[in-house]
Protein backbone atom coordinates (compact mmCIF):
# COMPACT_ATOMS: atom_id res chain seq x y z
CA MET A 1 53.72 -154.25 -59.46
CA VAL A 2 52.71 -154.95 -63.09
CA MET A 3 49.12 -156.08 -63.40
CA LYS A 4 48.03 -158.48 -66.11
CA TYR A 5 45.26 -157.59 -68.52
CA THR A 6 41.91 -158.80 -67.15
CA GLN A 7 38.57 -159.24 -68.88
CA LEU A 8 35.97 -157.12 -67.10
CA THR A 9 32.77 -158.71 -65.81
CA ALA A 10 29.26 -157.24 -65.82
CA ALA A 11 29.67 -156.47 -62.13
CA ALA A 12 32.93 -154.61 -62.78
CA ARG A 13 31.24 -152.52 -65.47
CA GLY A 14 28.49 -151.64 -62.98
CA ALA A 15 31.16 -150.52 -60.53
CA ILE A 16 32.83 -148.37 -63.18
CA GLU A 17 29.52 -146.64 -63.99
CA MET A 18 28.86 -145.91 -60.29
CA LEU A 19 32.40 -144.68 -59.55
CA LEU A 20 32.43 -142.40 -62.60
CA LYS A 21 29.23 -140.79 -61.36
CA GLU A 22 31.00 -140.17 -58.05
CA ASN A 23 33.84 -138.44 -59.96
CA TYR A 24 36.52 -141.07 -59.29
CA THR A 25 39.49 -140.92 -61.64
CA GLN A 26 40.33 -143.84 -63.94
CA LYS A 27 43.40 -144.62 -61.85
CA GLU A 28 41.33 -144.73 -58.65
CA ILE A 29 38.73 -146.94 -60.31
CA ALA A 30 41.46 -149.34 -61.52
CA ASN A 31 42.90 -149.58 -57.99
CA LYS A 32 39.49 -150.37 -56.53
CA LEU A 33 38.83 -153.06 -59.14
CA GLY A 34 42.35 -154.48 -58.90
CA VAL A 35 43.04 -154.12 -62.60
CA HIS A 36 45.51 -152.11 -64.68
CA ARG A 37 44.65 -148.49 -65.39
CA SER A 38 44.74 -149.13 -69.15
CA THR A 39 42.02 -151.76 -68.78
CA VAL A 40 39.64 -149.18 -67.35
CA SER A 41 40.76 -146.59 -69.87
CA ARG A 42 40.15 -148.87 -72.86
CA GLU A 43 36.77 -149.95 -71.49
CA ILE A 44 35.53 -146.38 -71.09
CA ASP A 45 36.91 -145.13 -74.42
CA LYS A 46 35.55 -148.11 -76.34
CA ARG A 47 32.07 -148.41 -74.85
CA ARG A 48 30.97 -145.00 -73.63
CA THR A 49 28.07 -143.26 -75.36
CA PRO A 50 27.64 -139.54 -76.12
CA ASN A 51 25.69 -139.33 -72.86
CA GLY A 52 28.31 -141.11 -70.79
CA TYR A 53 29.29 -144.63 -69.73
CA PHE A 54 26.48 -147.07 -68.94
CA ALA A 55 27.25 -150.57 -67.68
CA GLU A 56 24.23 -152.21 -69.33
CA VAL A 57 25.05 -150.77 -72.76
CA ALA A 58 28.72 -151.69 -72.34
CA GLN A 59 27.88 -155.29 -71.41
CA LEU A 60 25.55 -155.73 -74.40
CA HIS A 61 28.24 -154.32 -76.68
CA ARG A 62 30.76 -156.82 -75.28
CA GLN A 63 28.36 -159.75 -75.74
CA ARG A 64 27.65 -158.82 -79.36
CA LEU A 65 31.35 -158.69 -80.16
CA GLN A 66 31.98 -161.97 -78.36
CA LYS A 67 29.23 -163.74 -80.27
CA LYS A 68 30.44 -162.34 -83.57
CA SER A 69 34.05 -163.37 -82.95
CA ARG A 70 33.24 -167.00 -82.10
CA LYS A 71 34.91 -169.40 -84.50
CA LYS A 72 32.38 -171.22 -86.63
CA LYS A 73 32.43 -174.96 -86.33
CA LYS A 74 33.76 -176.60 -89.45
CA PHE A 75 30.91 -179.09 -89.40
CA ALA A 76 28.22 -176.48 -89.10
CA TYR A 77 28.29 -176.54 -92.92
CA SER A 78 25.70 -179.17 -93.80
CA LYS A 79 27.19 -180.12 -97.21
CA ARG A 80 30.49 -181.17 -95.64
CA GLN A 81 28.77 -183.00 -92.81
CA LYS A 82 26.51 -184.90 -95.21
CA TYR A 83 29.49 -185.93 -97.33
CA ILE A 84 31.45 -187.23 -94.35
CA CYS A 85 28.50 -189.07 -92.82
CA SER A 86 27.62 -190.72 -96.12
CA LYS A 87 31.18 -191.98 -96.63
CA LEU A 88 31.37 -193.23 -93.05
CA GLN A 89 28.37 -195.42 -93.79
CA PHE A 90 30.36 -197.01 -96.63
CA GLY A 91 33.10 -197.92 -94.15
CA TRP A 92 35.58 -195.23 -95.22
CA SER A 93 38.12 -194.16 -92.60
CA PRO A 94 38.53 -190.46 -91.65
CA GLU A 95 41.87 -190.46 -93.49
CA GLN A 96 40.26 -191.83 -96.66
CA ILE A 97 37.38 -189.36 -96.39
CA ALA A 98 39.75 -186.41 -95.95
CA GLY A 99 41.95 -187.50 -98.85
CA ARG A 100 39.04 -188.07 -101.19
CA LEU A 101 37.31 -184.85 -100.13
CA LYS A 102 40.39 -182.97 -101.29
CA LEU A 103 39.92 -184.50 -104.73
CA ASP A 104 36.14 -184.20 -104.99
CA ASP A 105 35.62 -180.73 -103.46
CA PRO A 106 38.75 -178.91 -102.14
CA ALA A 107 36.59 -176.13 -100.70
CA LEU A 108 35.11 -178.59 -98.21
CA TYR A 109 38.44 -180.17 -97.23
CA VAL A 110 39.23 -180.88 -93.58
CA CYS A 111 42.04 -183.06 -92.26
CA LYS A 112 41.48 -186.52 -90.79
CA GLU A 113 42.14 -185.29 -87.23
CA THR A 114 39.32 -182.76 -87.56
CA ILE A 115 36.98 -185.57 -88.60
CA TYR A 116 38.08 -187.68 -85.63
CA GLN A 117 37.47 -184.74 -83.28
CA PHE A 118 34.02 -184.28 -84.81
CA LEU A 119 33.18 -187.95 -84.26
CA TYR A 120 34.36 -188.04 -80.65
CA SER A 121 33.62 -184.48 -79.43
CA ASP A 122 30.64 -183.08 -81.29
CA PRO A 123 27.44 -183.54 -79.21
CA TRP A 124 25.35 -184.48 -82.25
CA ALA A 125 27.94 -186.97 -83.53
CA LYS A 126 28.22 -188.56 -80.08
CA GLU A 127 24.44 -188.77 -79.74
CA GLU A 128 24.19 -190.44 -83.16
CA LYS A 129 27.13 -192.71 -82.21
CA LEU A 130 28.90 -192.11 -85.51
CA TYR A 131 32.02 -193.75 -84.09
CA GLN A 132 30.25 -197.06 -84.76
CA TYR A 133 30.94 -196.58 -88.46
CA LEU A 134 34.70 -196.60 -87.87
CA ARG A 135 36.60 -199.77 -88.63
CA TYR A 136 36.37 -201.15 -85.11
CA GLY A 137 33.46 -199.09 -83.78
CA ARG A 138 35.37 -198.09 -80.66
CA LYS A 139 34.63 -195.06 -78.53
CA LYS A 140 38.36 -194.40 -78.18
CA ARG A 141 41.22 -194.93 -80.59
CA ARG A 142 43.61 -197.71 -79.68
CA LYS A 143 46.88 -199.03 -80.96
CA GLN A 144 46.57 -201.87 -83.42
CA THR A 145 48.42 -205.15 -83.07
CA GLY A 146 48.82 -207.97 -85.54
CA ARG A 147 48.67 -211.72 -84.97
CA SER A 148 51.77 -213.88 -84.88
CA VAL A 149 52.69 -216.20 -87.74
CA TYR A 150 51.96 -219.88 -87.36
CA ARG A 151 55.05 -222.01 -87.77
CA SER A 152 54.66 -225.34 -89.52
CA LYS A 153 56.73 -227.89 -91.40
CA ILE A 154 55.73 -227.29 -95.01
CA PRO A 155 57.86 -229.16 -97.57
CA ASN A 156 59.76 -227.50 -100.41
CA LYS A 157 58.95 -223.94 -99.45
CA VAL A 158 60.37 -221.14 -101.59
CA SER A 159 61.57 -218.22 -99.46
CA ILE A 160 60.16 -214.76 -99.96
CA HIS A 161 63.76 -213.61 -100.37
CA GLN A 162 63.80 -215.40 -103.75
CA ARG A 163 60.85 -213.36 -104.96
CA PRO A 164 61.68 -211.20 -108.04
CA ASP A 165 62.55 -207.57 -107.37
CA ILE A 166 59.68 -206.41 -109.56
CA VAL A 167 57.25 -207.59 -106.87
CA GLU A 168 58.72 -205.17 -104.33
CA GLN A 169 58.68 -202.36 -106.89
CA ARG A 170 54.92 -202.73 -107.35
CA ILE A 171 54.92 -201.77 -111.01
CA GLU A 172 53.59 -204.98 -112.55
CA TYR A 173 50.03 -206.14 -112.03
CA GLY A 174 49.35 -209.66 -110.76
CA HIS A 175 51.58 -210.15 -107.73
CA CYS A 176 49.47 -210.92 -104.67
CA GLU A 177 49.54 -211.87 -101.01
CA SER A 178 47.23 -214.33 -99.29
CA ASP A 179 46.25 -215.39 -95.78
CA SER A 180 43.43 -216.96 -93.75
CA VAL A 181 41.29 -215.07 -91.24
CA LEU A 182 39.95 -217.43 -88.57
CA TYR A 183 36.40 -217.51 -87.17
CA PRO A 184 34.41 -219.68 -84.72
CA ASN A 185 33.37 -223.25 -85.56
CA LYS A 186 36.71 -223.78 -87.33
CA MET A 187 35.57 -221.65 -90.28
CA ALA A 188 37.86 -219.22 -92.07
CA ILE A 189 38.03 -216.72 -94.92
CA ASN A 190 40.84 -216.79 -97.45
CA THR A 191 42.00 -213.28 -98.34
CA ILE A 192 43.94 -212.20 -101.43
CA ASN A 193 45.18 -208.70 -102.20
CA GLU A 194 46.93 -207.49 -105.35
CA LEU A 195 49.97 -205.35 -104.56
CA VAL A 196 49.82 -202.70 -107.31
CA THR A 197 46.14 -201.80 -107.27
CA GLY A 198 45.22 -203.01 -103.77
CA ARG A 199 42.22 -204.97 -105.09
CA VAL A 200 40.99 -207.75 -102.80
CA ALA A 201 39.08 -211.02 -103.09
CA PHE A 202 37.63 -213.14 -100.27
CA THR A 203 36.57 -216.82 -100.21
CA ILE A 204 34.63 -218.59 -97.46
CA LEU A 205 36.27 -221.78 -96.16
CA GLU A 206 34.09 -224.25 -94.24
CA ARG A 207 37.33 -225.39 -92.62
CA ARG A 208 40.82 -223.95 -92.73
CA THR A 209 42.19 -227.00 -94.49
CA ALA A 210 45.00 -227.21 -96.99
CA ARG A 211 42.73 -228.68 -99.67
CA LEU A 212 39.98 -226.05 -99.41
CA THR A 213 42.60 -223.28 -99.33
CA ALA A 214 44.31 -224.69 -102.41
CA ASP A 215 41.00 -224.78 -104.30
CA ALA A 216 40.26 -221.17 -103.31
CA LEU A 217 43.71 -220.05 -104.45
CA ILE A 218 43.44 -221.83 -107.79
CA ASN A 219 40.02 -220.33 -108.46
CA ASN A 220 41.20 -216.79 -107.68
CA ILE A 221 44.45 -217.18 -109.60
CA TYR A 222 42.47 -217.86 -112.78
CA LYS A 223 39.85 -215.23 -111.99
CA LEU A 224 42.33 -212.47 -111.11
CA GLY A 225 45.04 -213.31 -113.61
CA LEU A 226 47.76 -213.62 -110.96
CA LYS A 227 51.50 -213.98 -111.50
CA SER A 228 52.74 -214.83 -107.99
CA LEU A 229 51.56 -215.35 -104.43
CA SER A 230 53.23 -214.54 -101.11
CA VAL A 231 51.91 -216.31 -98.01
CA ASP A 232 52.77 -216.99 -94.36
CA ASN A 233 53.67 -220.34 -92.80
CA GLY A 234 50.13 -221.43 -91.97
CA ILE A 235 49.38 -225.14 -92.39
CA GLU A 236 46.59 -224.26 -94.83
CA PHE A 237 49.27 -223.59 -97.47
CA PHE A 238 50.63 -227.13 -97.23
CA HIS A 239 49.49 -227.92 -100.79
CA HIS A 240 51.36 -225.01 -102.33
CA GLN A 241 53.14 -227.33 -104.77
CA TYR A 242 49.78 -228.59 -106.06
CA VAL A 243 48.68 -224.99 -106.64
CA THR A 244 51.88 -224.18 -108.50
CA GLU A 245 51.71 -227.33 -110.64
CA THR A 246 48.07 -226.62 -111.52
CA THR A 247 48.40 -222.93 -112.33
CA GLY A 248 52.10 -222.39 -112.99
CA ILE A 249 52.11 -219.61 -110.39
CA PRO A 250 55.04 -219.52 -107.91
CA ILE A 251 54.27 -219.23 -104.20
CA TYR A 252 56.71 -217.56 -101.81
CA PHE A 253 56.73 -218.01 -98.03
CA ALA A 254 57.50 -215.21 -95.60
CA ASP A 255 59.91 -215.76 -92.73
CA PRO A 256 58.33 -217.05 -89.49
CA TYR A 257 57.06 -214.23 -87.24
CA SER A 258 57.71 -211.62 -89.95
CA SER A 259 54.24 -210.32 -90.78
CA TRP A 260 55.79 -207.05 -91.92
CA GLN A 261 56.98 -208.89 -95.04
CA ARG A 262 53.31 -209.13 -96.00
CA GLY A 263 52.17 -205.85 -94.51
CA ALA A 264 49.54 -205.09 -97.17
CA ASN A 265 47.80 -208.41 -96.53
CA GLU A 266 47.81 -207.87 -92.76
CA ASN A 267 46.08 -204.55 -93.38
CA VAL A 268 43.48 -206.23 -95.60
CA ASN A 269 42.77 -208.74 -92.83
CA MET A 270 42.09 -205.87 -90.44
CA LEU A 271 39.77 -204.27 -93.00
CA LEU A 272 37.83 -207.53 -93.21
CA ARG A 273 37.64 -207.70 -89.40
CA GLY A 274 35.94 -204.31 -89.55
CA TYR A 275 33.01 -206.00 -91.30
CA LEU A 276 33.27 -209.39 -89.61
CA PRO A 277 34.83 -209.04 -86.13
CA LYS A 278 36.88 -211.82 -84.60
CA ARG A 279 34.13 -213.76 -82.82
CA THR A 280 31.49 -213.42 -85.54
CA ASP A 281 29.65 -216.63 -86.43
CA ILE A 282 29.89 -216.83 -90.23
CA GLN A 283 28.05 -220.14 -90.69
CA ASP A 284 25.14 -218.32 -92.36
CA LEU A 285 27.38 -216.03 -94.42
CA GLU A 286 26.96 -216.54 -98.17
CA GLN A 287 29.72 -215.99 -100.73
CA PRO A 288 27.77 -213.18 -102.52
CA GLU A 289 27.69 -211.27 -99.20
CA LEU A 290 31.44 -211.67 -98.90
CA ASP A 291 31.83 -210.52 -102.50
CA ASP A 292 29.89 -207.37 -101.59
CA ILE A 293 32.42 -206.62 -98.84
CA ALA A 294 35.26 -207.03 -101.33
CA TYR A 295 33.38 -204.77 -103.75
CA GLU A 296 33.11 -202.02 -101.12
CA LEU A 297 36.81 -202.26 -100.29
CA ASN A 298 37.72 -202.18 -103.98
CA ASN A 299 35.78 -198.94 -104.28
CA ARG A 300 37.17 -197.29 -101.15
CA PRO A 301 39.93 -194.66 -101.66
CA ARG A 302 43.43 -195.55 -100.52
CA LYS A 303 46.06 -193.08 -99.35
CA ARG A 304 48.92 -194.79 -101.20
CA LEU A 305 46.90 -194.58 -104.43
CA GLY A 306 46.52 -190.83 -104.10
CA TYR A 307 43.04 -191.43 -102.67
CA ARG A 308 41.93 -193.21 -105.84
CA THR A 309 40.11 -196.49 -105.38
CA PRO A 310 41.67 -199.86 -106.31
CA ASP A 311 39.09 -200.33 -109.07
CA GLU A 312 39.82 -196.86 -110.46
CA VAL A 313 43.54 -197.61 -110.59
CA TYR A 314 42.90 -200.99 -112.19
CA CYS A 315 40.65 -199.48 -114.87
CA HIS A 316 43.28 -196.82 -115.53
CA MET A 317 45.91 -199.54 -115.97
CA LEU A 318 43.67 -201.30 -118.49
CA LYS A 319 43.30 -198.09 -120.50
CA LEU A 320 47.06 -197.60 -120.57
CA GLN A 321 47.73 -201.19 -121.55
CA LYS A 322 49.02 -201.48 -125.10
CA GLY A 323 48.94 -204.74 -127.03
CA GLY A 324 47.55 -208.01 -125.78
CA ALA A 325 44.22 -208.64 -124.10
CA PRO A 326 43.60 -207.03 -120.69
CA VAL A 327 43.63 -209.23 -117.62
CA ALA A 328 40.18 -210.77 -117.27
CA LEU A 329 38.58 -209.96 -113.94
CA ALA A 330 35.10 -210.48 -112.61
CA PRO A 331 33.18 -207.15 -112.40
CA ARG A 332 32.78 -207.46 -108.62
CA ILE A 333 35.64 -209.09 -106.69
């Protein structure tokens, strides 16, 4: 019968010392311990002293080697841990932190899964409840689901299928998506995201009405220098023709129950929910506070931008722009 290799215990080493003193052979010792002969042979050859084999010395030798061979925790390095914790406090996701870390200091790089494991498994991280800094602050990761599209009878809608191809290519600045995120007391927040840079802007709505939404869109169209808008079928976009007539900007409507046609905007809505969860009372929320949230998101690295931030990409586009005045944007949107 072939015996498997077995790690010897302190008691087994004591038995080996005693049996050697009684002149047992290595084969006989192995049979008594129920291990392979080579296990006993390696143990004696590796840990005996010039004066013979002593169990206490052998056990100490084994413990020193075991301690030395232990894999160091990646987060035992304080510089990396400080970097990750500081970015978590700014609302960065583990994926964004990992991607940006690769740019800022490749020597400290760890993948996003390692960061997740640190947050959920490390005793210190669990005690400090660092998971609370994640987008949803959950103890366990869950699958994300989007909300369905509201169907309404909006006159003279222009289908998203008539949108110019250049919008899908994402090579020209100014093409945006918009939506409304609902909150208690019939309040809402209008969200706008630019497709090339990923920059966002948010506007508080005392009510999710068509008129207030139209005013918010017009204000942001002028402020952001937009060229087109893509929206869902929510009743708040009923005055789309008024917006187009006022600004000259076309508005395209996605198909009912096709949120994937505006996937970037759905993601922005989830980012906003990370700051203001679904049942948050926003009656005391001021617009400057909402602008600060947009500012943080505009300075958070994005994977699709090579872990550059939306503001960094926008500034780079301005530098590359030749001829004509750059698009005028507020410094913090």
